[in-house]
């Protein structure tokens, strides 16, 4: 199951089959499945609504560069720095 999820994210981050905006939209929709981008908060998985845009970018870049085997590090490894910036723009708006 974990390998499937990893390859699914890898596929989504590829621009071979979809343009960049469609790809970012799909990635952010996938984020919503765990991080609930509305005001509801779960105790197990934090909402990213509580982060500032710069903090989101810093954390995603940290996850991407970490050698840990946690879920967010495995997901983030396939993202480019530009992907992370576009995700932040999509979630937090262009500021």
PDB file of N, CA and C in Angstrom:
ATOM      1  N   UNK A   1       0.821  -1.195   0.000  1.00  0.00           N
ATOM      2  CA  UNK A   1       0.000   0.000   0.000  1.00  0.00           C
ATOM      3  C   UNK A   1       0.864   1.257   0.000  1.00  0.00           C
ATOM      4  N   UNK A   2       1.936   1.268   0.806  1.00  0.00           N
ATOM      5  CA  UNK A   2       2.792   2.442   0.863  1.00  0.00           C
ATOM      6  C   UNK A   2       3.492   2.703  -0.465  1.00  0.00           C
ATOM      7  N   UNK A   3       3.918   1.633  -1.146  1.00  0.00           N
ATOM      8  CA  UNK A   3       4.561   1.807  -2.442  1.00  0.00           C
ATOM      9  C   UNK A   3       3.581   2.387  -3.450  1.00  0.00           C
ATOM     10  N   UNK A   4       2.353   1.945  -3.410  1.00  0.00           N
ATOM     11  CA  UNK A   4       1.341   2.469  -4.314  1.00  0.00           C
ATOM     12  C   UNK A   4       1.162   3.961  -4.088  1.00  0.00           C
ATOM     13  N   UNK A   5       1.045   4.376  -2.835  1.00  0.00           N
ATOM     14  CA  UNK A   5       0.854   5.783  -2.511  1.00  0.00           C
ATOM     15  C   UNK A   5       2.040   6.607  -3.001  1.00  0.00           C
ATOM     16  N   UNK A   6       3.252   6.113  -2.797  1.00  0.00           N
ATOM     17  CA  UNK A   6       4.449   6.811  -3.235  1.00  0.00           C
ATOM     18  C   UNK A   6       4.444   6.996  -4.755  1.00  0.00           C
ATOM     19  N   UNK A   7       4.166   5.935  -5.478  1.00  0.00           N
ATOM     20  CA  UNK A   7       4.154   6.031  -6.931  1.00  0.00           C
ATOM     21  C   UNK A   7       2.992   6.874  -7.447  1.00  0.00           C
ATOM     22  N   UNK A   8       1.898   6.877  -6.725  1.00  0.00           N
ATOM     23  CA  UNK A   8       0.773   7.728  -7.090  1.00  0.00           C
ATOM     24  C   UNK A   8       1.170   9.197  -6.993  1.00  0.00           C
ATOM     25  N   UNK A   9       1.832   9.570  -5.911  1.00  0.00           N
ATOM     26  CA  UNK A   9       2.299  10.948  -5.758  1.00  0.00           C
ATOM     27  C   UNK A   9       3.349  11.280  -6.812  1.00  0.00           C
ATOM     28  N   UNK A  10       4.240  10.342  -7.084  1.00  0.00           N
ATOM     29  CA  UNK A  10       5.241  10.544  -8.122  1.00  0.00           C
ATOM     30  C   UNK A  10       4.570  10.824  -9.462  1.00  0.00           C
ATOM     31  N   UNK A  11       3.563  10.054  -9.785  1.00  0.00           N
ATOM     32  CA  UNK A  11       2.817  10.253 -11.021  1.00  0.00           C
ATOM     33  C   UNK A  11       2.172  11.630 -11.051  1.00  0.00           C
ATOM     34  N   UNK A  12       1.575  12.031  -9.936  1.00  0.00           N
ATOM     35  CA  UNK A  12       0.916  13.334  -9.894  1.00  0.00           C
ATOM     36  C   UNK A  12       1.895  14.484 -10.049  1.00  0.00           C
ATOM     37  N   UNK A  13       3.105  14.310  -9.540  1.00  0.00           N
ATOM     38  CA  UNK A  13       4.068  15.403  -9.622  1.00  0.00           C
ATOM     39  C   UNK A  13       4.726  15.499 -11.000  1.00  0.00           C
ATOM     40  N   UNK A  14       4.496  14.525 -11.819  1.00  0.00           N
ATOM     41  CA  UNK A  14       5.046  14.541 -13.172  1.00  0.00           C
ATOM     42  C   UNK A  14       4.223  15.470 -14.051  1.00  0.00           C
ATOM     43  N   UNK A  15       4.896  16.209 -14.887  1.00  0.00           N
ATOM     44  CA  UNK A  15       4.180  17.080 -15.815  1.00  0.00           C
ATOM     45  C   UNK A  15       4.022  16.435 -17.186  1.00  0.00           C
ATOM     46  N   UNK A  16       4.363  15.163 -17.293  1.00  0.00           N
ATOM     47  CA  UNK A  16       4.241  14.487 -18.574  1.00  0.00           C
ATOM     48  C   UNK A  16       2.795  14.256 -18.978  1.00  0.00           C
ATOM     49  N   UNK A  17       1.908  14.049 -17.991  1.00  0.00           N
ATOM     50  CA  UNK A  17       0.537  13.677 -18.297  1.00  0.00           C
ATOM     51  C   UNK A  17      -0.491  14.746 -17.961  1.00  0.00           C
ATOM     52  N   UNK A  18      -0.060  15.810 -17.325  1.00  0.00           N
ATOM     53  CA  UNK A  18      -0.974  16.899 -16.996  1.00  0.00           C
ATOM     54  C   UNK A  18      -0.171  18.178 -16.905  1.00  0.00           C
ATOM     55  N   UNK A  19      -0.824  19.314 -17.166  1.00  0.00           N
ATOM     56  CA  UNK A  19      -0.080  20.545 -17.017  1.00  0.00           C
ATOM     57  C   UNK A  19       0.142  20.842 -15.538  1.00  0.00           C
ATOM     58  N   UNK A  20       1.040  21.774 -15.261  1.00  0.00           N
ATOM     59  CA  UNK A  20       1.486  22.034 -13.894  1.00  0.00           C
ATOM     60  C   UNK A  20       0.335  22.424 -12.964  1.00  0.00           C
ATOM     61  N   UNK A  21      -0.575  23.283 -13.415  1.00  0.00           N
ATOM     62  CA  UNK A  21      -1.687  23.709 -12.552  1.00  0.00           C
ATOM     63  C   UNK A  21      -2.598  22.536 -12.194  1.00  0.00           C
ATOM     64  N   UNK A  22      -2.896  21.681 -13.150  1.00  0.00           N
ATOM     65  CA  UNK A  22      -3.725  20.508 -12.863  1.00  0.00           C
ATOM     66  C   UNK A  22      -3.023  19.580 -11.883  1.00  0.00           C
ATOM     67  N   UNK A  23      -1.733  19.419 -12.056  1.00  0.00           N
ATOM     68  CA  UNK A  23      -0.962  18.558 -11.160  1.00  0.00           C
ATOM     69  C   UNK A  23      -0.985  19.096  -9.739  1.00  0.00           C
ATOM     70  N   UNK A  24      -0.752  20.388  -9.568  1.00  0.00           N
ATOM     71  CA  UNK A  24      -0.763  20.999  -8.231  1.00  0.00           C
ATOM     72  C   UNK A  24      -2.145  20.888  -7.617  1.00  0.00           C
ATOM     73  N   UNK A  25      -3.186  21.095  -8.400  1.00  0.00           N
ATOM     74  CA  UNK A  25      -4.554  20.945  -7.885  1.00  0.00           C
ATOM     75  C   UNK A  25      -4.792  19.529  -7.358  1.00  0.00           C
ATOM     76  N   UNK A  26      -4.330  18.534  -8.095  1.00  0.00           N
ATOM     77  CA  UNK A  26      -4.487  17.144  -7.655  1.00  0.00           C
ATOM     78  C   UNK A  26      -3.697  16.853  -6.379  1.00  0.00           C
ATOM     79  N   UNK A  27      -2.492  17.390  -6.308  1.00  0.00           N
ATOM     80  CA  UNK A  27      -1.677  17.180  -5.108  1.00  0.00           C
ATOM     81  C   UNK A  27      -2.350  17.796  -3.890  1.00  0.00           C
ATOM     82  N   UNK A  28      -2.833  19.032  -4.028  1.00  0.00           N
ATOM     83  CA  UNK A  28      -3.494  19.708  -2.900  1.00  0.00           C
ATOM     84  C   UNK A  28      -4.772  18.963  -2.513  1.00  0.00           C
ATOM     85  N   UNK A  29      -5.512  18.476  -3.473  1.00  0.00           N
ATOM     86  CA  UNK A  29      -6.695  17.666  -3.150  1.00  0.00           C
ATOM     87  C   UNK A  29      -6.301  16.438  -2.346  1.00  0.00           C
ATOM     88  N   UNK A  30      -5.167  15.844  -2.694  1.00  0.00           N
ATOM     89  CA  UNK A  30      -4.677  14.690  -1.953  1.00  0.00           C
ATOM     90  C   UNK A  30      -4.295  15.085  -0.520  1.00  0.00           C
ATOM     91  N   UNK A  31      -3.710  16.257  -0.344  1.00  0.00           N
ATOM     92  CA  UNK A  31      -3.360  16.753   1.003  1.00  0.00           C
ATOM     93  C   UNK A  31      -4.612  16.849   1.883  1.00  0.00           C
ATOM     94  N   UNK A  32      -5.696  17.283   1.267  1.00  0.00           N
ATOM     95  CA  UNK A  32      -6.949  17.466   2.010  1.00  0.00           C
ATOM     96  C   UNK A  32      -7.452  16.172   2.638  1.00  0.00           C
ATOM     97  N   UNK A  33      -7.134  15.062   2.013  1.00  0.00           N
ATOM     98  CA  UNK A  33      -7.654  13.793   2.528  1.00  0.00           C
ATOM     99  C   UNK A  33      -7.137  13.495   3.926  1.00  0.00           C
ATOM    100  N   UNK A  34      -5.963  13.963   4.264  1.00  0.00           N
ATOM    101  CA  UNK A  34      -5.421  13.741   5.613  1.00  0.00           C
ATOM    102  C   UNK A  34      -5.429  15.003   6.470  1.00  0.00           C
ATOM    103  N   UNK A  35      -5.148  16.134   5.863  1.00  0.00           N
ATOM    104  CA  UNK A  35      -4.925  17.354   6.640  1.00  0.00           C
ATOM    105  C   UNK A  35      -6.121  18.275   6.745  1.00  0.00           C
ATOM    106  N   UNK A  36      -7.248  17.888   6.177  1.00  0.00           N
ATOM    107  CA  UNK A  36      -8.498  18.604   6.376  1.00  0.00           C
ATOM    108  C   UNK A  36      -8.307  20.113   6.305  1.00  0.00           C
ATOM    109  N   UNK A  37      -8.360  20.678   5.114  1.00  0.00           N
ATOM    110  CA  UNK A  37      -8.071  22.091   4.915  1.00  0.00           C
ATOM    111  C   UNK A  37      -9.188  23.034   5.336  1.00  0.00           C
ATOM    112  N   UNK A  38     -10.234  22.495   5.926  1.00  0.00           N
ATOM    113  CA  UNK A  38     -11.235  23.401   6.473  1.00  0.00           C
ATOM    114  C   UNK A  38     -10.910  23.641   7.944  1.00  0.00           C
ATOM    115  N   UNK A  39     -11.817  24.175   8.701  1.00  0.00           N
ATOM    116  CA  UNK A  39     -11.540  24.564  10.085  1.00  0.00           C
ATOM    117  C   UNK A  39     -11.553  23.404  11.079  1.00  0.00           C
ATOM    118  N   UNK A  40     -12.039  22.248  10.670  1.00  0.00           N
ATOM    119  CA  UNK A  40     -12.073  21.109  11.579  1.00  0.00           C
ATOM    120  C   UNK A  40     -10.658  20.579  11.814  1.00  0.00           C
ATOM    121  N   UNK A  41     -10.385  20.194  13.046  1.00  0.00           N
ATOM    122  CA  UNK A  41      -9.059  19.703  13.404  1.00  0.00           C
ATOM    123  C   UNK A  41      -9.185  18.323  14.020  1.00  0.00           C
ATOM    124  N   UNK A  42      -8.323  17.422  13.613  1.00  0.00           N
ATOM    125  CA  UNK A  42      -8.268  16.112  14.250  1.00  0.00           C
ATOM    126  C   UNK A  42      -7.073  16.096  15.189  1.00  0.00           C
ATOM    127  N   UNK A  43      -7.094  15.202  16.142  1.00  0.00           N
ATOM    128  CA  UNK A  43      -5.994  15.137  17.103  1.00  0.00           C
ATOM    129  C   UNK A  43      -4.775  14.421  16.543  1.00  0.00           C
ATOM    130  N   UNK A  44      -4.966  13.527  15.601  1.00  0.00           N
ATOM    131  CA  UNK A  44      -3.862  12.703  15.112  1.00  0.00           C
ATOM    132  C   UNK A  44      -3.062  13.366  13.991  1.00  0.00           C
ATOM    133  N   UNK A  45      -3.737  14.035  13.071  1.00  0.00           N
ATOM    134  CA  UNK A  45      -3.054  14.659  11.936  1.00  0.00           C
ATOM    135  C   UNK A  45      -3.368  16.160  11.960  1.00  0.00           C
ATOM    136  N   UNK A  46      -2.330  16.988  12.078  1.00  0.00           N
ATOM    137  CA  UNK A  46      -2.582  18.430  12.190  1.00  0.00           C
ATOM    138  C   UNK A  46      -3.107  19.041  10.892  1.00  0.00           C
ATOM    139  N   UNK A  47      -3.929  20.054  11.055  1.00  0.00           N
ATOM    140  CA  UNK A  47      -4.403  20.816   9.908  1.00  0.00           C
ATOM    141  C   UNK A  47      -3.310  21.772   9.471  1.00  0.00           C
ATOM    142  N   UNK A  48      -3.124  21.922   8.185  1.00  0.00           N
ATOM    143  CA  UNK A  48      -2.118  22.875   7.717  1.00  0.00           C
ATOM    144  C   UNK A  48      -2.672  24.297   7.681  1.00  0.00           C
ATOM    145  N   UNK A  49      -3.943  24.455   8.023  1.00  0.00           N
ATOM    146  CA  UNK A  49      -4.510  25.799   8.134  1.00  0.00           C
ATOM    147  C   UNK A  49      -3.882  26.590   9.264  1.00  0.00           C
ATOM    148  N   UNK A  50      -3.309  25.907  10.243  1.00  0.00           N
ATOM    149  CA  UNK A  50      -2.711  26.581  11.391  1.00  0.00           C
ATOM    150  C   UNK A  50      -1.303  27.081  11.109  1.00  0.00           C
ATOM    151  N   UNK A  51      -0.794  26.840   9.909  1.00  0.00           N
ATOM    152  CA  UNK A  51       0.549  27.276   9.539  1.00  0.00           C
ATOM    153  C   UNK A  51       0.487  28.542   8.702  1.00  0.00           C
ATOM    154  N   UNK A  52       1.531  29.338   8.803  1.00  0.00           N
ATOM    155  CA  UNK A  52       1.720  30.454   7.872  1.00  0.00           C
ATOM    156  C   UNK A  52       2.323  29.873   6.592  1.00  0.00           C
ATOM    157  N   UNK A  53       2.165  30.577   5.503  1.00  0.00           N
ATOM    158  CA  UNK A  53       2.664  30.105   4.217  1.00  0.00           C
ATOM    159  C   UNK A  53       4.167  29.807   4.267  1.00  0.00           C
ATOM    160  N   UNK A  54       4.957  30.703   4.850  1.00  0.00           N
ATOM    161  CA  UNK A  54       6.408  30.502   4.929  1.00  0.00           C
ATOM    162  C   UNK A  54       6.761  29.269   5.751  1.00  0.00           C
ATOM    163  N   UNK A  55       6.004  29.022   6.813  1.00  0.00           N
ATOM    164  CA  UNK A  55       6.238  27.849   7.651  1.00  0.00           C
ATOM    165  C   UNK A  55       5.914  26.562   6.882  1.00  0.00           C
ATOM    166  N   UNK A  56       4.832  26.583   6.110  1.00  0.00           N
ATOM    167  CA  UNK A  56       4.478  25.434   5.263  1.00  0.00           C
ATOM    168  C   UNK A  56       5.617  25.120   4.296  1.00  0.00           C
ATOM    169  N   UNK A  57       6.142  26.150   3.631  1.00  0.00           N
ATOM    170  CA  UNK A  57       7.229  25.958   2.667  1.00  0.00           C
ATOM    171  C   UNK A  57       8.459  25.400   3.374  1.00  0.00           C
ATOM    172  N   UNK A  58       8.790  25.952   4.539  1.00  0.00           N
ATOM    173  CA  UNK A  58       9.953  25.477   5.298  1.00  0.00           C
ATOM    174  C   UNK A  58       9.785  24.012   5.687  1.00  0.00           C
ATOM    175  N   UNK A  59       8.608  23.655   6.197  1.00  0.00           N
ATOM    176  CA  UNK A  59       8.378  22.273   6.627  1.00  0.00           C
ATOM    177  C   UNK A  59       8.384  21.295   5.458  1.00  0.00           C
ATOM    178  N   UNK A  60       7.741  21.654   4.367  1.00  0.00           N
ATOM    179  CA  UNK A  60       7.716  20.766   3.206  1.00  0.00           C
ATOM    180  C   UNK A  60       9.124  20.564   2.642  1.00  0.00           C
ATOM    181  N   UNK A  61       9.920  21.617   2.619  1.00  0.00           N
ATOM    182  CA  UNK A  61      11.297  21.501   2.147  1.00  0.00           C
ATOM    183  C   UNK A  61      12.112  20.626   3.095  1.00  0.00           C
ATOM    184  N   UNK A  62      11.878  20.786   4.395  1.00  0.00           N
ATOM    185  CA  UNK A  62      12.558  19.945   5.385  1.00  0.00           C
ATOM    186  C   UNK A  62      12.179  18.480   5.177  1.00  0.00           C
ATOM    187  N   UNK A  63      10.879  18.207   5.038  1.00  0.00           N
ATOM    188  CA  UNK A  63      10.437  16.826   4.796  1.00  0.00           C
ATOM    189  C   UNK A  63      11.077  16.268   3.533  1.00  0.00           C
ATOM    190  N   UNK A  64      11.120  17.084   2.492  1.00  0.00           N
ATOM    191  CA  UNK A  64      11.679  16.639   1.214  1.00  0.00           C
ATOM    192  C   UNK A  64      13.142  16.229   1.364  1.00  0.00           C
ATOM    193  N   UNK A  65      13.892  16.970   2.163  1.00  0.00           N
ATOM    194  CA  UNK A  65      15.328  16.734   2.297  1.00  0.00           C
ATOM    195  C   UNK A  65      15.687  15.759   3.411  1.00  0.00           C
ATOM    196  N   UNK A  66      14.730  15.434   4.283  1.00  0.00           N
ATOM    197  CA  UNK A  66      14.981  14.492   5.374  1.00  0.00           C
ATOM    198  C   UNK A  66      15.233  13.094   4.834  1.00  0.00           C
ATOM    199  N   UNK A  67      16.048  12.365   5.524  1.00  0.00           N
ATOM    200  CA  UNK A  67      16.312  10.966   5.172  1.00  0.00           C
ATOM    201  C   UNK A  67      15.425  10.025   5.993  1.00  0.00           C
ATOM    202  N   UNK A  68      14.536  10.596   6.802  1.00  0.00           N
ATOM    203  CA  UNK A  68      13.632   9.786   7.618  1.00  0.00           C
ATOM    204  C   UNK A  68      12.708   8.969   6.726  1.00  0.00           C
ATOM    205  N   UNK A  69      12.094   7.979   7.335  1.00  0.00           N
ATOM    206  CA  UNK A  69      11.156   7.140   6.596  1.00  0.00           C
ATOM    207  C   UNK A  69       9.721   7.409   7.047  1.00  0.00           C
ATOM    208  N   UNK A  70       9.455   8.636   7.513  1.00  0.00           N
ATOM    209  CA  UNK A  70       8.077   8.933   7.906  1.00  0.00           C
ATOM    210  C   UNK A  70       7.237   9.251   6.671  1.00  0.00           C
ATOM    211  N   UNK A  71       5.959   9.274   6.837  1.00  0.00           N
ATOM    212  CA  UNK A  71       5.037   9.425   5.703  1.00  0.00           C
ATOM    213  C   UNK A  71       5.294  10.714   4.932  1.00  0.00           C
ATOM    214  N   UNK A  72       5.394  11.828   5.630  1.00  0.00           N
ATOM    215  CA  UNK A  72       5.569  13.105   4.934  1.00  0.00           C
ATOM    216  C   UNK A  72       6.904  13.177   4.188  1.00  0.00           C
ATOM    217  N   UNK A  73       7.938  12.597   4.723  1.00  0.00           N
ATOM    218  CA  UNK A  73       9.220  12.584   4.006  1.00  0.00           C
ATOM    219  C   UNK A  73       9.124  11.752   2.734  1.00  0.00           C
ATOM    220  N   UNK A  74       8.466  10.614   2.823  1.00  0.00           N
ATOM    221  CA  UNK A  74       8.317   9.763   1.625  1.00  0.00           C
ATOM    222  C   UNK A  74       7.474  10.465   0.565  1.00  0.00           C
ATOM    223  N   UNK A  75       6.430  11.145   0.980  1.00  0.00           N
ATOM    224  CA  UNK A  75       5.580  11.856   0.020  1.00  0.00           C
ATOM    225  C   UNK A  75       6.323  13.025  -0.607  1.00  0.00           C
ATOM    226  N   UNK A  76       7.026  13.790   0.206  1.00  0.00           N
ATOM    227  CA  UNK A  76       7.634  15.047  -0.235  1.00  0.00           C
ATOM    228  C   UNK A  76       8.864  14.879  -1.114  1.00  0.00           C
ATOM    229  N   UNK A  77       9.490  13.746  -1.076  1.00  0.00           N
ATOM    230  CA  UNK A  77      10.720  13.536  -1.861  1.00  0.00           C
ATOM    231  C   UNK A  77      10.517  13.741  -3.357  1.00  0.00           C
ATOM    232  N   UNK A  78       9.339  13.502  -3.840  1.00  0.00           N
ATOM    233  CA  UNK A  78       9.107  13.612  -5.285  1.00  0.00           C
ATOM    234  C   UNK A  78       8.810  15.036  -5.737  1.00  0.00           C
ATOM    235  N   UNK A  79       8.605  15.950  -4.806  1.00  0.00           N
ATOM    236  CA  UNK A  79       8.264  17.323  -5.160  1.00  0.00           C
ATOM    237  C   UNK A  79       9.519  18.138  -5.466  1.00  0.00           C
ATOM    238  N   UNK A  80       9.406  18.991  -6.458  1.00  0.00           N
ATOM    239  CA  UNK A  80      10.467  19.967  -6.703  1.00  0.00           C
ATOM    240  C   UNK A  80      10.224  21.159  -5.780  1.00  0.00           C
ATOM    241  N   UNK A  81      11.217  22.028  -5.658  1.00  0.00           N
ATOM    242  CA  UNK A  81      11.024  23.248  -4.870  1.00  0.00           C
ATOM    243  C   UNK A  81       9.896  24.084  -5.468  1.00  0.00           C
ATOM    244  N   UNK A  82       9.806  24.095  -6.788  1.00  0.00           N
ATOM    245  CA  UNK A  82       8.735  24.828  -7.454  1.00  0.00           C
ATOM    246  C   UNK A  82       7.362  24.222  -7.144  1.00  0.00           C
ATOM    247  N   UNK A  83       7.282  22.906  -7.079  1.00  0.00           N
ATOM    248  CA  UNK A  83       6.025  22.250  -6.692  1.00  0.00           C
ATOM    249  C   UNK A  83       5.579  22.724  -5.312  1.00  0.00           C
ATOM    250  N   UNK A  84       6.515  22.785  -4.378  1.00  0.00           N
ATOM    251  CA  UNK A  84       6.187  23.202  -3.008  1.00  0.00           C
ATOM    252  C   UNK A  84       5.695  24.647  -2.992  1.00  0.00           C
ATOM    253  N   UNK A  85       6.348  25.518  -3.755  1.00  0.00           N
ATOM    254  CA  UNK A  85       5.906  26.915  -3.820  1.00  0.00           C
ATOM    255  C   UNK A  85       4.510  27.031  -4.427  1.00  0.00           C
ATOM    256  N   UNK A  86       4.255  26.264  -5.467  1.00  0.00           N
ATOM    257  CA  UNK A  86       2.933  26.308  -6.108  1.00  0.00           C
ATOM    258  C   UNK A  86       1.851  25.726  -5.195  1.00  0.00           C
ATOM    259  N   UNK A  87       2.196  24.688  -4.429  1.00  0.00           N
ATOM    260  CA  UNK A  87       1.248  24.144  -3.460  1.00  0.00           C
ATOM    261  C   UNK A  87       0.918  25.200  -2.408  1.00  0.00           C
ATOM    262  N   UNK A  88       1.942  25.897  -1.924  1.00  0.00           N
ATOM    263  CA  UNK A  88       1.731  26.956  -0.928  1.00  0.00           C
ATOM    264  C   UNK A  88       0.850  28.059  -1.494  1.00  0.00           C
ATOM    265  N   UNK A  89       1.089  28.442  -2.744  1.00  0.00           N
ATOM    266  CA  UNK A  89       0.247  29.458  -3.385  1.00  0.00           C
ATOM    267  C   UNK A  89      -1.202  28.990  -3.476  1.00  0.00           C
ATOM    268  N   UNK A  90      -1.387  27.737  -3.829  1.00  0.00           N
ATOM    269  CA  UNK A  90      -2.738  27.186  -3.969  1.00  0.00           C
ATOM    270  C   UNK A  90      -3.463  27.137  -2.617  1.00  0.00           C
ATOM    271  N   UNK A  91      -2.762  26.752  -1.557  1.00  0.00           N
ATOM    272  CA  UNK A  91      -3.387  26.609  -0.239  1.00  0.00           C
ATOM    273  C   UNK A  91      -3.566  27.949   0.445  1.00  0.00           C
ATOM    274  N   UNK A  92      -2.530  28.803   0.392  1.00  0.00           N
ATOM    275  CA  UNK A  92      -2.523  30.037   1.187  1.00  0.00           C
ATOM    276  C   UNK A  92      -2.752  31.288   0.350  1.00  0.00           C
ATOM    277  N   UNK A  93      -2.794  31.136  -0.954  1.00  0.00           N
ATOM    278  CA  UNK A  93      -2.935  32.304  -1.825  1.00  0.00           C
ATOM    279  C   UNK A  93      -1.580  32.890  -2.145  1.00  0.00           C
ATOM    280  N   UNK A  94      -1.564  33.708  -3.167  1.00  0.00           N
ATOM    281  CA  UNK A  94      -0.308  34.325  -3.585  1.00  0.00           C
ATOM    282  C   UNK A  94      -0.135  35.626  -2.806  1.00  0.00           C
ATOM    283  N   UNK A  95       0.832  35.618  -1.903  1.00  0.00           N
ATOM    284  CA  UNK A  95       1.097  36.827  -1.092  1.00  0.00           C
ATOM    285  C   UNK A  95       2.450  37.367  -1.432  1.00  0.00           C
TER     286      UNK A  95
END
